[in-house]
Amino acid sequence: MITGVRSPSAFPELLTVFYRFYSKKSSSSTQWLNRASKDPYTKAARFQDYKSRAAFKLKELNKNHNLFKPGYTVVDLGFAPGAWSQVAVELTKPHGRVLGVDIIPANPPKGASSIQANILSKKTHTIIRNFFIETDYNKQNDDDDLGKPKSYIATELQEPVELELEENDQKSNNNTHKNLPVELSEKQQFPVDIVISDMYAPVLPPERYWNNTTNSAFHRMANTSGLVIRDNVASINLCDAALILAIDLLKPNGAFVCKFFTGEEDKGLEKRLRKVFKKVIRDKPNACRDESKECYFVCFQKKKTVDKIDVFTNFHEVKL
């Protein structure tokens, strides 16, 4: 008798388990498809050629708060598939510049540029700063060239970094481009008008990108689980990472938008935001589903002097 082969009597049981698993999955998928087919924002996104229904959330936030102006420089964190970048391009014409940043590879929408990079890394902050300095510095570029989508891949996607609470590191701010000025003016140090973040759901990477550092982006970017406490903590973690980038790159009086899931931790986030911005507003666009816990902080008038140590004095990272 050949070992390792189940007896025929075991197969009905296996088939039952198989049927229950896949029928349940199919039912869930069917419910999602039915909801999407009836959703007016999903239909409108297809009709208007937006990458996703999320475009209407940003459009409504802009309508409520007048976030964008022609010529603005925009950093879109977690931009894939690109709906928010599409809206940002529309609202900053002419001469606006939109840079999408995501840890997963994705092509930018027309009129935007993108980099594949880990926002938890200081090196990514430097790459973003240099991108805007370079497009300013190269005055020979005409409007059409600036509007062409470009895509970059930042090396060392999983470079281990701390939460960037120390003072600005001179080494990390050194320019890597020969044609860029060595001494940075305030405009070059803080080249961004608005940082927007709709982060929460990454695609798992190939094994070669995984590491065991506590700041691994894939540990901190989590799909929604349906558990209110876990989703709240995960989203606040991402908002803090986006806030650090905003402190480092956003010009005085600049604006910041980030998505979070409501819960106990968002009160602490709001306190941190008020240390950086003069005006902080909570808003939930109509495009958000009623049952969703997602909400947005819309922040204005970044303070001229911000001390990261002070902002995160009471900050503690909760391990998921």
Protein backbone atom coordinates (compact mmCIF):
# COMPACT_ATOMS: atom_id res chain seq x y z
CA MET A 1 0.00 0.00 0.00
CA ILE A 2 1.36 3.43 -0.97
CA THR A 3 1.79 5.72 2.01
CA GLY A 4 0.79 9.38 1.95
CA VAL A 5 -2.44 8.81 0.01
CA ARG A 6 -5.74 9.45 1.76
CA SER A 7 -8.35 6.74 1.75
CA PRO A 8 -11.36 7.25 -0.57
CA SER A 9 -13.58 7.87 2.44
CA ALA A 10 -11.66 11.10 3.18
CA PHE A 11 -12.37 12.73 -0.19
CA PRO A 12 -16.04 13.69 0.49
CA GLU A 13 -14.86 15.58 3.58
CA LEU A 14 -12.18 17.42 1.58
CA LEU A 15 -14.70 18.29 -1.13
CA THR A 16 -17.04 19.72 1.50
CA VAL A 17 -14.31 21.95 2.91
CA PHE A 18 -13.30 23.00 -0.61
CA TYR A 19 -16.89 23.87 -1.53
CA ARG A 20 -17.53 25.85 1.65
CA PHE A 21 -14.35 27.91 1.22
CA TYR A 22 -14.83 28.81 -2.42
CA SER A 23 -18.59 29.32 -2.23
CA LYS A 24 -18.06 31.72 0.66
CA LYS A 25 -15.35 33.57 -1.25
CA SER A 26 -17.51 33.69 -4.33
CA SER A 27 -20.42 35.09 -2.31
CA SER A 28 -18.20 37.85 -0.89
CA SER A 29 -16.87 38.71 -4.34
CA THR A 30 -20.38 38.79 -5.73
CA GLN A 31 -21.49 41.21 -3.00
CA TRP A 32 -18.54 43.49 -3.76
CA LEU A 33 -19.28 43.43 -7.50
CA ASN A 34 -22.96 44.13 -6.91
CA ARG A 35 -22.15 47.08 -4.67
CA ALA A 36 -19.62 48.46 -7.17
CA SER A 37 -22.07 48.14 -10.06
CA LYS A 38 -24.65 50.23 -8.18
CA ASP A 39 -22.20 52.80 -6.80
CA PRO A 40 -22.63 56.17 -8.58
CA TYR A 41 -19.01 57.21 -7.91
CA THR A 42 -17.66 54.01 -9.45
CA LYS A 43 -19.79 54.60 -12.54
CA ALA A 44 -18.71 58.25 -12.72
CA ALA A 45 -15.04 57.28 -12.40
CA ARG A 46 -15.36 54.96 -15.40
CA PHE A 47 -17.24 57.58 -17.41
CA GLN A 48 -14.72 60.36 -16.63
CA ASP A 49 -11.71 58.05 -17.05
CA TYR A 50 -10.42 58.32 -13.48
CA LYS A 51 -8.28 55.53 -12.12
CA SER A 52 -10.67 54.97 -9.20
CA ARG A 53 -13.66 56.42 -7.35
CA ALA A 54 -11.23 57.99 -4.86
CA ALA A 55 -10.86 60.89 -7.30
CA PHE A 56 -14.22 62.25 -6.16
CA LYS A 57 -13.11 62.30 -2.51
CA LEU A 58 -10.25 64.68 -3.36
CA LYS A 59 -12.44 66.76 -5.68
CA GLU A 60 -14.96 67.23 -2.87
CA LEU A 61 -12.24 68.07 -0.33
CA ASN A 62 -10.93 70.69 -2.74
CA LYS A 63 -14.42 72.09 -3.27
CA ASN A 64 -14.94 72.35 0.50
CA HIS A 65 -11.54 73.80 1.36
CA ASN A 66 -10.00 75.30 -1.83
CA LEU A 67 -6.82 73.25 -1.49
CA PHE A 68 -5.23 73.59 -4.93
CA LYS A 69 -4.18 76.55 -7.04
CA PRO A 70 -2.63 76.80 -10.54
CA GLY A 71 1.12 76.29 -10.45
CA TYR A 72 1.18 74.38 -7.15
CA THR A 73 3.77 71.67 -6.46
CA VAL A 74 2.12 68.51 -5.10
CA VAL A 75 3.41 65.30 -3.52
CA ASP A 76 0.87 62.44 -3.64
CA LEU A 77 1.82 59.70 -1.16
CA GLY A 78 0.63 56.20 -1.94
CA PHE A 79 -0.48 57.51 -5.34
CA ALA A 80 -1.17 54.17 -7.11
CA PRO A 81 -3.32 53.65 -9.10
CA GLY A 82 -3.25 57.42 -9.66
CA ALA A 83 -6.74 58.89 -9.19
CA TRP A 84 -5.61 61.59 -6.75
CA SER A 85 -2.68 62.50 -8.99
CA GLN A 86 -5.10 62.87 -11.90
CA VAL A 87 -7.20 65.33 -9.92
CA ALA A 88 -4.12 67.20 -8.69
CA VAL A 89 -2.88 67.61 -12.28
CA GLU A 90 -6.27 69.03 -13.32
CA LEU A 91 -6.43 71.48 -10.40
CA THR A 92 -2.86 72.82 -10.68
CA LYS A 93 -2.86 73.62 -14.41
CA PRO A 94 -1.06 75.46 -15.85
CA HIS A 95 2.52 74.96 -14.67
CA GLY A 96 1.66 72.74 -11.72
CA ARG A 97 3.90 69.79 -10.90
CA VAL A 98 2.61 66.58 -9.35
CA LEU A 99 4.92 63.85 -8.04
CA GLY A 100 3.41 60.53 -6.98
CA VAL A 101 5.31 58.36 -4.48
CA ASP A 102 4.54 54.71 -3.86
CA ILE A 103 6.46 51.66 -2.71
CA ILE A 104 4.82 49.57 -5.41
CA PRO A 105 5.70 50.04 -9.11
CA ALA A 106 3.06 52.03 -10.99
CA ASN A 107 2.97 54.33 -14.00
CA PRO A 108 1.98 57.93 -13.28
CA PRO A 109 -1.13 59.35 -14.97
CA LYS A 110 -0.74 61.85 -17.78
CA GLY A 111 0.80 65.10 -16.61
CA ALA A 112 2.31 63.67 -13.40
CA SER A 113 5.65 62.11 -12.50
CA SER A 114 6.34 59.33 -10.02
CA ILE A 115 9.00 57.56 -8.01
CA GLN A 116 8.94 54.09 -6.52
CA ALA A 117 10.34 54.55 -3.04
CA ASN A 118 9.90 54.03 0.69
CA ILE A 119 8.58 57.22 2.32
CA LEU A 120 10.05 56.10 5.65
CA SER A 121 13.54 56.72 4.26
CA LYS A 122 15.35 60.05 4.44
CA LYS A 123 16.82 59.23 1.06
CA THR A 124 13.32 59.39 -0.42
CA HIS A 125 12.82 62.86 1.09
CA THR A 126 16.05 63.98 -0.59
CA ILE A 127 15.00 62.50 -3.95
CA ILE A 128 11.66 64.33 -3.78
CA ARG A 129 13.36 67.62 -2.87
CA ASN A 130 15.88 67.24 -5.70
CA PHE A 131 13.11 66.46 -8.18
CA PHE A 132 11.45 69.83 -7.58
CA ILE A 133 14.74 71.73 -7.37
CA GLU A 134 15.87 70.24 -10.66
CA THR A 135 12.67 71.10 -12.52
CA ASP A 136 13.00 74.66 -11.21
CA TYR A 137 16.70 74.86 -11.99
CA ASN A 138 16.46 73.61 -15.57
CA LYS A 139 14.70 76.64 -16.99
CA GLN A 140 15.26 75.44 -20.54
CA ASN A 141 12.49 72.88 -20.09
CA ASP A 142 9.34 74.08 -21.82
CA ASP A 143 5.80 73.58 -20.53
CA ASP A 144 5.18 70.51 -22.67
CA ASP A 145 8.29 68.78 -21.32
CA LEU A 146 7.31 69.52 -17.72
CA GLY A 147 3.90 68.01 -18.35
CA LYS A 148 5.20 64.71 -19.67
CA PRO A 149 4.83 61.85 -17.20
CA LYS A 150 8.12 60.54 -15.86
CA SER A 151 8.81 57.57 -13.65
CA TYR A 152 11.76 56.89 -11.39
CA ILE A 153 12.78 53.99 -9.17
CA ALA A 154 14.56 54.95 -5.97
CA THR A 155 17.22 52.49 -4.91
CA GLU A 156 17.31 50.84 -1.50
CA LEU A 157 13.54 50.72 -1.12
CA GLN A 158 13.85 49.06 2.26
CA GLU A 159 16.65 51.21 3.67
CA PRO A 160 16.31 50.98 7.48
CA VAL A 161 15.58 54.35 9.09
CA GLU A 162 14.32 55.65 12.40
CA LEU A 163 11.28 57.86 12.75
CA GLU A 164 13.39 60.87 11.75
CA LEU A 165 13.02 62.60 15.12
CA GLU A 166 16.57 63.90 15.08
CA GLU A 167 17.54 67.29 13.67
CA ASN A 168 18.02 67.57 9.91
CA ASP A 169 20.89 65.33 8.88
CA GLN A 170 23.37 67.34 6.82
CA LYS A 171 24.58 64.25 5.02
CA SER A 172 21.11 63.28 3.83
CA ASN A 173 20.51 66.78 2.48
CA ASN A 174 23.58 66.74 0.24
CA ASN A 175 22.56 67.00 -3.41
CA THR A 176 23.31 64.06 -5.65
CA HIS A 177 22.92 66.05 -8.89
CA LYS A 178 25.91 67.94 -10.25
CA ASN A 179 23.81 70.77 -11.68
CA LEU A 180 21.99 71.56 -8.44
CA PRO A 181 23.10 74.35 -6.08
CA VAL A 182 25.08 73.29 -3.00
CA GLU A 183 23.50 75.85 -0.69
CA LEU A 184 19.73 75.49 -0.46
CA SER A 185 17.45 78.49 -0.11
CA GLU A 186 14.24 78.22 1.94
CA LYS A 187 12.30 77.69 -1.29
CA GLN A 188 14.60 74.82 -2.26
CA GLN A 189 14.63 73.32 1.23
CA PHE A 190 10.81 73.34 1.34
CA PRO A 191 9.69 73.08 -2.32
CA VAL A 192 6.22 71.56 -1.87
CA ASP A 193 2.92 73.49 -1.69
CA ILE A 194 0.71 70.57 -0.63
CA VAL A 195 1.21 66.97 0.52
CA ILE A 196 -1.71 64.60 0.06
CA SER A 197 -1.90 61.06 1.42
CA ASP A 198 -4.52 58.40 0.75
CA MET A 199 -2.31 55.51 1.88
CA TYR A 200 -3.50 52.26 3.37
CA ALA A 201 -3.44 49.26 1.03
CA PRO A 202 -0.16 48.05 -0.49
CA VAL A 203 0.46 45.06 -2.73
CA LEU A 204 2.80 42.49 -1.18
CA PRO A 205 6.27 42.67 -2.79
CA PRO A 206 8.60 39.93 -4.03
CA GLU A 207 10.54 38.22 -1.24
CA ARG A 208 13.76 40.06 -2.08
CA TYR A 209 12.25 43.33 -0.79
CA TRP A 210 11.38 42.03 2.66
CA ASN A 211 13.51 42.79 5.68
CA ASN A 212 13.23 42.55 9.45
CA THR A 213 13.61 46.21 10.38
CA THR A 214 10.94 47.75 12.59
CA ASN A 215 10.42 50.50 10.01
CA SER A 216 9.66 48.19 7.11
CA ALA A 217 7.06 50.00 5.05
CA PHE A 218 5.17 46.77 4.42
CA HIS A 219 4.77 46.21 8.16
CA ARG A 220 3.29 49.68 8.56
CA MET A 221 1.09 49.68 5.46
CA ALA A 222 -1.82 47.36 6.18
CA ASN A 223 -4.97 46.46 4.33
CA THR A 224 -8.14 47.27 6.22
CA SER A 225 -8.99 44.31 8.44
CA GLY A 226 -12.47 45.25 9.62
CA LEU A 227 -11.11 45.48 13.17
CA VAL A 228 -11.71 49.10 14.19
CA ILE A 229 -8.81 49.32 16.66
CA ARG A 230 -6.26 47.73 14.32
CA ASP A 231 -7.30 49.81 11.30
CA ASN A 232 -7.21 52.99 13.39
CA VAL A 233 -3.67 52.32 14.66
CA ALA A 234 -2.38 51.29 11.22
CA SER A 235 -3.76 54.40 9.54
CA ILE A 236 -2.39 56.73 12.25
CA ASN A 237 1.02 55.13 11.81
CA LEU A 238 0.94 56.02 8.10
CA CYS A 239 -0.32 59.54 8.83
CA ASP A 240 2.64 60.09 11.14
CA ALA A 241 5.03 58.97 8.40
CA ALA A 242 3.34 61.38 5.98
CA LEU A 243 3.48 64.16 8.59
CA ILE A 244 7.25 63.72 9.00
CA LEU A 245 7.66 64.10 5.24
CA ALA A 246 5.44 67.20 5.29
CA ILE A 247 7.53 68.75 8.07
CA ASP A 248 10.70 68.16 6.05
CA LEU A 249 9.44 69.29 2.61
CA LEU A 250 6.32 71.42 2.93
CA LYS A 251 6.85 75.16 2.59
CA PRO A 252 5.61 77.58 5.28
CA ASN A 253 1.82 78.11 4.94
CA GLY A 254 1.61 74.88 2.92
CA ALA A 255 -1.28 72.42 3.18
CA PHE A 256 -1.57 68.74 4.13
CA VAL A 257 -4.31 66.14 3.62
CA CYS A 258 -4.23 62.62 5.06
CA LYS A 259 -6.70 59.78 5.36
CA PHE A 260 -7.20 58.02 8.70
CA PHE A 261 -9.62 55.57 10.24
CA THR A 262 -11.48 56.91 13.24
CA GLY A 263 -10.73 55.59 16.72
CA GLU A 264 -8.86 56.35 19.93
CA GLU A 265 -5.52 57.12 18.29
CA ASP A 266 -6.71 59.92 16.00
CA LYS A 267 -6.96 62.33 18.95
CA GLY A 268 -3.21 62.09 19.42
CA LEU A 269 -2.65 62.62 15.71
CA GLU A 270 -4.79 65.75 15.76
CA LYS A 271 -2.67 67.16 18.60
CA ARG A 272 0.50 66.54 16.57
CA LEU A 273 -1.03 68.16 13.51
CA ARG A 274 -1.95 71.26 15.51
CA LYS A 275 1.72 71.62 16.50
CA VAL A 276 2.60 71.85 12.80
CA PHE A 277 -0.39 73.67 11.26
CA LYS A 278 -2.40 76.67 12.36
CA LYS A 279 -5.69 75.22 11.09
CA VAL A 280 -6.77 71.54 11.27
CA ILE A 281 -10.18 70.30 10.04
CA ARG A 282 -11.84 66.87 9.98
CA ASP A 283 -13.87 66.09 6.91
CA LYS A 284 -15.61 63.04 5.47
CA PRO A 285 -16.52 63.48 1.79
CA ASN A 286 -19.82 62.12 0.51
CA ALA A 287 -17.83 59.81 -1.77
CA CYS A 288 -16.78 57.85 1.34
CA ARG A 289 -19.13 54.96 1.93
CA ASP A 290 -21.49 55.42 4.86
CA GLU A 291 -20.32 52.27 6.63
CA SER A 292 -16.65 53.19 6.26
CA LYS A 293 -14.67 54.51 9.22
CA GLU A 294 -12.36 56.50 6.96
CA CYS A 295 -12.08 60.23 7.43
CA TYR A 296 -9.63 62.99 6.44
CA PHE A 297 -7.61 65.61 8.23
CA VAL A 298 -7.27 68.77 6.13
CA CYS A 299 -4.52 71.04 7.44
CA PHE A 300 -3.59 74.59 6.42
CA GLN A 301 -0.91 77.19 7.10
CA LYS A 302 2.13 75.17 8.09
CA LYS A 303 4.03 77.04 10.78
CA LYS A 304 7.33 78.60 9.75
CA THR A 305 9.30 76.96 12.56
CA VAL A 306 8.49 73.36 13.50
CA ASP A 307 10.44 71.22 15.96
CA LYS A 308 9.98 67.53 15.16
CA ILE A 309 11.16 66.53 18.63
CA ASP A 310 8.40 68.64 20.16
CA VAL A 311 5.76 67.40 17.70
CA PHE A 312 6.43 63.76 18.58
CA THR A 313 7.22 64.17 22.26
CA ASN A 314 4.24 62.04 23.26
CA PHE A 315 4.42 59.81 20.20
CA HIS A 316 4.71 56.08 20.65
CA GLU A 317 4.55 53.53 17.90
CA VAL A 318 2.20 50.63 18.49
CA LYS A 319 3.41 47.35 17.00
CA LEU A 320 0.76 45.65 14.92
